[in-house]
Amino acid sequence: MEFEILYQHRDFIIIYKPCGVSVHKDQETVGLTTQVANQLGMAQVWLVHRLDKVTSGLLILALNAESAAEFSRLFAEHKIQKTYLALSHQKPKKKQGRIIGDMKKARNGAWKLCQSKDNPAITQFASISCEPNLRLFILNPQTGKTHQLRVAMKSLGSPILGDDLYGKNTAEIIHKLDHSFVHLSRGRWQSQRSKNVVFCDRTYLHAARLEFEFHGEKFDVKAMPKEEEWWQKETVIAKINENPFFGNGKILV
């Protein structure tokens, strides 16, 4: 597949990673970095940070070893500010604040948040009601732990929509949002009221903004989520555009 390149610099590019694409090489597919290198006609590009397979959005790739080392340093020193968007069908325990705690492995490949704070995951968040049983979350991770945002959302009592690892079964969520929906096929549901077909075959987490300084130049890159029905709801789009996290509303893509 070809990836959309949102920004191209002589030392790095920023691409849009769709949901369902792994940043690591799967057994049956060519790795993301190999695909992008082929797309650019280069021998190699460097992965400098990661997004979960279920997460869509902005991904930085370095174009040389020197810039890869520089970005690794920036991420290690938490000098790259990341903003994510998420949707949930559950009202959180609190509308905004910080989630802090150590993370430990749980069952079935999941992680859990602990009360201890020896080496904690830290997430700043705010939530906005879009409509009954649907909330938008704006998440700023201040650390970079595995599944950090998905675990943070679960700890709030608001698992991410479509996240079967940390939340309820997708079918249960769909019926909570609208009891008229019936299952058609994998990920496809139809409302018996409007006859509209909707999709909920992804985890609704999106890497929407990256802010950083590279070699003295400041960068602020933003991208709206593109895939799937629930991101395209008018109430969700309106709340995203109203929020100051997108500044004056100027969105790159």
Foldseek 3Di string as FASTA:
>chain_A
DDWAWLDDDPWKTKTKFDAQAFCQDDPPDDHPQVRHCVVVVHPTKAFQDGDHNQEIEIGMITPDPVVSVVSNVCQVVLQKKWKKKFKFLDDFPDFWDKDKACWDDDPPRDIAGDPDHPPIWIKTKGWDDLDHRMIMMIIITSHDDVCSVQNSCLVRVTGTQLPVVRDPDNVVSVCVVPVQWDDDDQQWIAGPVPRDIFGRNGGGMYGAWIWHADPNRTDIAGDQDDDTDVSPDPSNVVVVQPDCVCPPSDHSD
